[in-house]
N, C-alpha and C. Protein backbone atom coordinates (compact mmCIF):
# COMPACT_ATOMS: atom_id res chain seq x y z
N UNK A 1 -26.81 -14.36 -15.69
CA UNK A 1 -27.34 -13.42 -14.73
C UNK A 1 -27.34 -14.03 -13.32
N UNK A 2 -27.84 -15.25 -13.20
CA UNK A 2 -27.88 -15.91 -11.90
C UNK A 2 -26.47 -16.15 -11.39
N UNK A 3 -25.58 -16.50 -12.29
CA UNK A 3 -24.18 -16.74 -11.90
C UNK A 3 -23.55 -15.47 -11.36
N UNK A 4 -23.82 -14.34 -12.01
CA UNK A 4 -23.28 -13.06 -11.56
C UNK A 4 -23.79 -12.72 -10.17
N UNK A 5 -25.07 -12.94 -9.93
CA UNK A 5 -25.64 -12.65 -8.62
C UNK A 5 -25.04 -13.57 -7.56
N UNK A 6 -24.89 -14.83 -7.90
CA UNK A 6 -24.30 -15.78 -6.95
C UNK A 6 -22.86 -15.41 -6.62
N UNK A 7 -22.09 -15.03 -7.61
CA UNK A 7 -20.70 -14.64 -7.37
C UNK A 7 -20.63 -13.35 -6.55
N UNK A 8 -21.54 -12.43 -6.80
CA UNK A 8 -21.58 -11.19 -6.03
C UNK A 8 -21.90 -11.48 -4.57
N UNK A 9 -22.87 -12.37 -4.34
CA UNK A 9 -23.24 -12.74 -2.97
C UNK A 9 -22.07 -13.41 -2.26
N UNK A 10 -21.38 -14.29 -2.95
CA UNK A 10 -20.22 -14.97 -2.37
C UNK A 10 -19.12 -13.96 -2.01
N UNK A 11 -18.87 -13.03 -2.90
CA UNK A 11 -17.85 -12.01 -2.64
C UNK A 11 -18.23 -11.16 -1.43
N UNK A 12 -19.51 -10.84 -1.31
CA UNK A 12 -19.99 -10.06 -0.18
C UNK A 12 -19.78 -10.82 1.13
N UNK A 13 -20.10 -12.11 1.14
CA UNK A 13 -19.94 -12.91 2.34
C UNK A 13 -18.48 -13.06 2.72
N UNK A 14 -17.62 -13.25 1.75
CA UNK A 14 -16.19 -13.42 2.02
C UNK A 14 -15.54 -12.13 2.48
N UNK A 15 -16.10 -11.00 2.09
CA UNK A 15 -15.53 -9.71 2.49
C UNK A 15 -15.62 -9.52 4.00
N UNK A 16 -16.62 -10.11 4.65
CA UNK A 16 -16.77 -10.00 6.09
C UNK A 16 -15.84 -10.92 6.86
N UNK A 17 -15.33 -11.96 6.23
CA UNK A 17 -14.48 -12.94 6.91
C UNK A 17 -13.20 -12.34 7.49
N UNK A 18 -12.47 -11.49 6.76
CA UNK A 18 -11.24 -10.94 7.35
C UNK A 18 -11.51 -10.07 8.58
N UNK A 19 -12.62 -9.34 8.61
CA UNK A 19 -12.90 -8.50 9.77
C UNK A 19 -13.23 -9.35 10.98
N UNK A 20 -13.90 -10.48 10.77
CA UNK A 20 -14.20 -11.38 11.88
C UNK A 20 -12.90 -11.97 12.42
N UNK A 21 -12.02 -12.38 11.52
CA UNK A 21 -10.74 -12.95 11.94
C UNK A 21 -9.91 -11.91 12.69
N UNK A 22 -9.93 -10.68 12.22
CA UNK A 22 -9.18 -9.61 12.88
C UNK A 22 -9.72 -9.37 14.28
N UNK A 23 -11.05 -9.34 14.42
CA UNK A 23 -11.66 -9.13 15.74
C UNK A 23 -11.30 -10.26 16.68
N UNK A 24 -11.32 -11.48 16.17
CA UNK A 24 -10.97 -12.64 17.01
C UNK A 24 -9.52 -12.54 17.46
N UNK A 25 -8.63 -12.13 16.58
CA UNK A 25 -7.23 -11.97 16.95
C UNK A 25 -7.06 -10.88 18.00
N UNK A 26 -7.76 -9.78 17.84
CA UNK A 26 -7.66 -8.68 18.80
C UNK A 26 -8.17 -9.11 20.17
N UNK A 27 -9.29 -9.81 20.19
CA UNK A 27 -9.85 -10.27 21.46
C UNK A 27 -8.93 -11.31 22.11
N UNK A 28 -8.37 -12.19 21.31
CA UNK A 28 -7.46 -13.21 21.84
C UNK A 28 -6.22 -12.55 22.46
N UNK A 29 -5.69 -11.55 21.77
CA UNK A 29 -4.53 -10.83 22.28
C UNK A 29 -4.85 -10.17 23.62
N UNK A 30 -6.02 -9.54 23.70
CA UNK A 30 -6.42 -8.89 24.95
C UNK A 30 -6.57 -9.91 26.08
N UNK A 31 -7.17 -11.07 25.76
CA UNK A 31 -7.35 -12.08 26.82
C UNK A 31 -6.00 -12.63 27.29
N UNK A 32 -5.05 -12.74 26.36
CA UNK A 32 -3.72 -13.21 26.75
C UNK A 32 -3.00 -12.16 27.59
N UNK A 33 -3.17 -10.88 27.23
CA UNK A 33 -2.55 -9.81 28.01
C UNK A 33 -3.09 -9.79 29.44
N UNK A 34 -4.38 -10.11 29.59
CA UNK A 34 -5.01 -10.14 30.91
C UNK A 34 -4.79 -11.47 31.62
N UNK A 35 -4.14 -12.41 30.93
CA UNK A 35 -3.84 -13.74 31.48
C UNK A 35 -5.10 -14.46 31.96
N UNK A 36 -6.14 -14.43 31.12
CA UNK A 36 -7.40 -15.09 31.45
C UNK A 36 -7.37 -16.55 31.03
N UNK A 37 -8.10 -17.37 31.75
CA UNK A 37 -8.20 -18.80 31.41
C UNK A 37 -9.57 -19.31 31.82
N UNK A 38 -9.98 -20.41 31.22
CA UNK A 38 -11.23 -21.07 31.59
C UNK A 38 -12.46 -20.23 31.33
N UNK A 39 -13.37 -20.23 32.31
CA UNK A 39 -14.65 -19.55 32.18
C UNK A 39 -14.47 -18.03 32.03
N UNK A 40 -13.49 -17.47 32.71
CA UNK A 40 -13.25 -16.03 32.60
C UNK A 40 -12.85 -15.66 31.18
N UNK A 41 -12.02 -16.49 30.56
CA UNK A 41 -11.59 -16.24 29.19
C UNK A 41 -12.77 -16.37 28.23
N UNK A 42 -13.59 -17.41 28.41
CA UNK A 42 -14.75 -17.62 27.55
C UNK A 42 -15.72 -16.45 27.65
N UNK A 43 -15.98 -16.00 28.85
CA UNK A 43 -16.88 -14.87 29.07
C UNK A 43 -16.32 -13.60 28.43
N UNK A 44 -15.04 -13.35 28.65
CA UNK A 44 -14.40 -12.18 28.06
C UNK A 44 -14.45 -12.21 26.54
N UNK A 45 -14.13 -13.38 25.97
CA UNK A 45 -14.11 -13.51 24.51
C UNK A 45 -15.49 -13.27 23.92
N UNK A 46 -16.53 -13.80 24.56
CA UNK A 46 -17.89 -13.61 24.06
C UNK A 46 -18.26 -12.14 24.07
N UNK A 47 -17.99 -11.45 25.17
CA UNK A 47 -18.32 -10.03 25.27
C UNK A 47 -17.49 -9.21 24.28
N UNK A 48 -16.23 -9.55 24.13
CA UNK A 48 -15.36 -8.83 23.21
C UNK A 48 -15.82 -9.02 21.77
N UNK A 49 -16.14 -10.26 21.40
CA UNK A 49 -16.61 -10.54 20.04
C UNK A 49 -17.93 -9.83 19.78
N UNK A 50 -18.81 -9.82 20.78
CA UNK A 50 -20.11 -9.16 20.61
C UNK A 50 -19.92 -7.67 20.35
N UNK A 51 -19.03 -7.05 21.09
CA UNK A 51 -18.75 -5.63 20.90
C UNK A 51 -18.22 -5.37 19.49
N UNK A 52 -17.30 -6.22 19.03
CA UNK A 52 -16.74 -6.07 17.69
C UNK A 52 -17.82 -6.27 16.62
N UNK A 53 -18.68 -7.24 16.83
CA UNK A 53 -19.74 -7.51 15.86
C UNK A 53 -20.79 -6.40 15.84
N UNK A 54 -21.10 -5.85 17.00
CA UNK A 54 -22.04 -4.73 17.05
C UNK A 54 -21.47 -3.52 16.33
N UNK A 55 -20.17 -3.33 16.43
CA UNK A 55 -19.51 -2.24 15.71
C UNK A 55 -19.63 -2.45 14.20
N UNK A 56 -19.44 -3.69 13.75
CA UNK A 56 -19.58 -3.99 12.33
C UNK A 56 -21.01 -3.77 11.87
N UNK A 57 -21.99 -4.12 12.71
CA UNK A 57 -23.40 -3.91 12.36
C UNK A 57 -23.70 -2.42 12.24
N UNK A 58 -23.11 -1.62 13.12
CA UNK A 58 -23.31 -0.18 13.05
C UNK A 58 -22.69 0.38 11.77
N UNK A 59 -21.52 -0.14 11.39
CA UNK A 59 -20.88 0.30 10.15
C UNK A 59 -21.75 -0.01 8.94
N UNK A 60 -22.47 -1.13 9.02
CA UNK A 60 -23.35 -1.54 7.92
C UNK A 60 -24.74 -0.92 8.03
N UNK A 61 -24.94 -0.10 9.09
CA UNK A 61 -26.21 0.58 9.33
C UNK A 61 -27.37 -0.39 9.47
N UNK A 62 -27.14 -1.49 10.19
CA UNK A 62 -28.18 -2.48 10.44
C UNK A 62 -28.95 -2.11 11.70
N UNK A 63 -30.25 -2.37 11.69
CA UNK A 63 -31.10 -2.11 12.85
C UNK A 63 -32.10 -3.24 13.02
N UNK A 64 -32.67 -3.35 14.21
CA UNK A 64 -33.73 -4.30 14.48
C UNK A 64 -33.30 -5.74 14.31
N UNK A 65 -34.18 -6.50 13.64
CA UNK A 65 -33.95 -7.94 13.47
C UNK A 65 -32.71 -8.22 12.63
N UNK A 66 -32.44 -7.37 11.65
CA UNK A 66 -31.26 -7.57 10.80
C UNK A 66 -29.98 -7.45 11.64
N UNK A 67 -29.96 -6.47 12.54
CA UNK A 67 -28.79 -6.28 13.40
C UNK A 67 -28.63 -7.46 14.36
N UNK A 68 -29.74 -7.87 14.97
CA UNK A 68 -29.70 -8.99 15.91
C UNK A 68 -29.20 -10.25 15.24
N UNK A 69 -29.72 -10.54 14.06
CA UNK A 69 -29.32 -11.72 13.31
C UNK A 69 -27.85 -11.65 12.92
N UNK A 70 -27.41 -10.49 12.44
CA UNK A 70 -26.02 -10.32 12.03
C UNK A 70 -25.08 -10.51 13.22
N UNK A 71 -25.39 -9.88 14.34
CA UNK A 71 -24.52 -9.97 15.52
C UNK A 71 -24.45 -11.41 16.02
N UNK A 72 -25.59 -12.09 16.07
CA UNK A 72 -25.61 -13.48 16.54
C UNK A 72 -24.74 -14.36 15.66
N UNK A 73 -24.88 -14.23 14.35
CA UNK A 73 -24.09 -15.04 13.41
C UNK A 73 -22.61 -14.67 13.49
N UNK A 74 -22.33 -13.40 13.59
CA UNK A 74 -20.96 -12.91 13.66
C UNK A 74 -20.26 -13.47 14.90
N UNK A 75 -20.91 -13.41 16.04
CA UNK A 75 -20.32 -13.92 17.29
C UNK A 75 -20.11 -15.43 17.20
N UNK A 76 -21.11 -16.13 16.67
CA UNK A 76 -21.01 -17.58 16.52
C UNK A 76 -19.84 -17.95 15.62
N UNK A 77 -19.71 -17.25 14.49
CA UNK A 77 -18.61 -17.52 13.57
C UNK A 77 -17.26 -17.20 14.19
N UNK A 78 -17.20 -16.09 14.92
CA UNK A 78 -15.93 -15.69 15.53
C UNK A 78 -15.51 -16.67 16.62
N UNK A 79 -16.47 -17.16 17.40
CA UNK A 79 -16.14 -18.10 18.48
C UNK A 79 -15.78 -19.48 17.91
N UNK A 80 -16.29 -19.80 16.73
CA UNK A 80 -16.00 -21.11 16.12
C UNK A 80 -14.66 -21.10 15.39
N UNK A 81 -14.15 -19.91 15.08
CA UNK A 81 -12.88 -19.82 14.34
C UNK A 81 -11.76 -20.38 15.20
N UNK A 82 -10.82 -21.09 14.56
CA UNK A 82 -9.69 -21.64 15.31
C UNK A 82 -8.85 -20.51 15.90
N UNK A 83 -8.45 -20.69 17.15
CA UNK A 83 -7.70 -19.62 17.82
C UNK A 83 -6.30 -20.01 18.07
């Protein structure tokens, strides 16, 4: 029983990984199209990732603290992903 729950939780967490990677790729493509570099690129990427993560939170119908926590973690994970 515990193993099933653990595997289900792992599957749920991994299901979000491709969407984060896709958002990072989309934001990176946009920043390259705009020819951004340095601080401008970092600022753009943060705002772009936040928008993508907020969209994912809305899809999951998250509100309040759950939404804030999800968006913060999502942005952190997306910015840490290799680009």
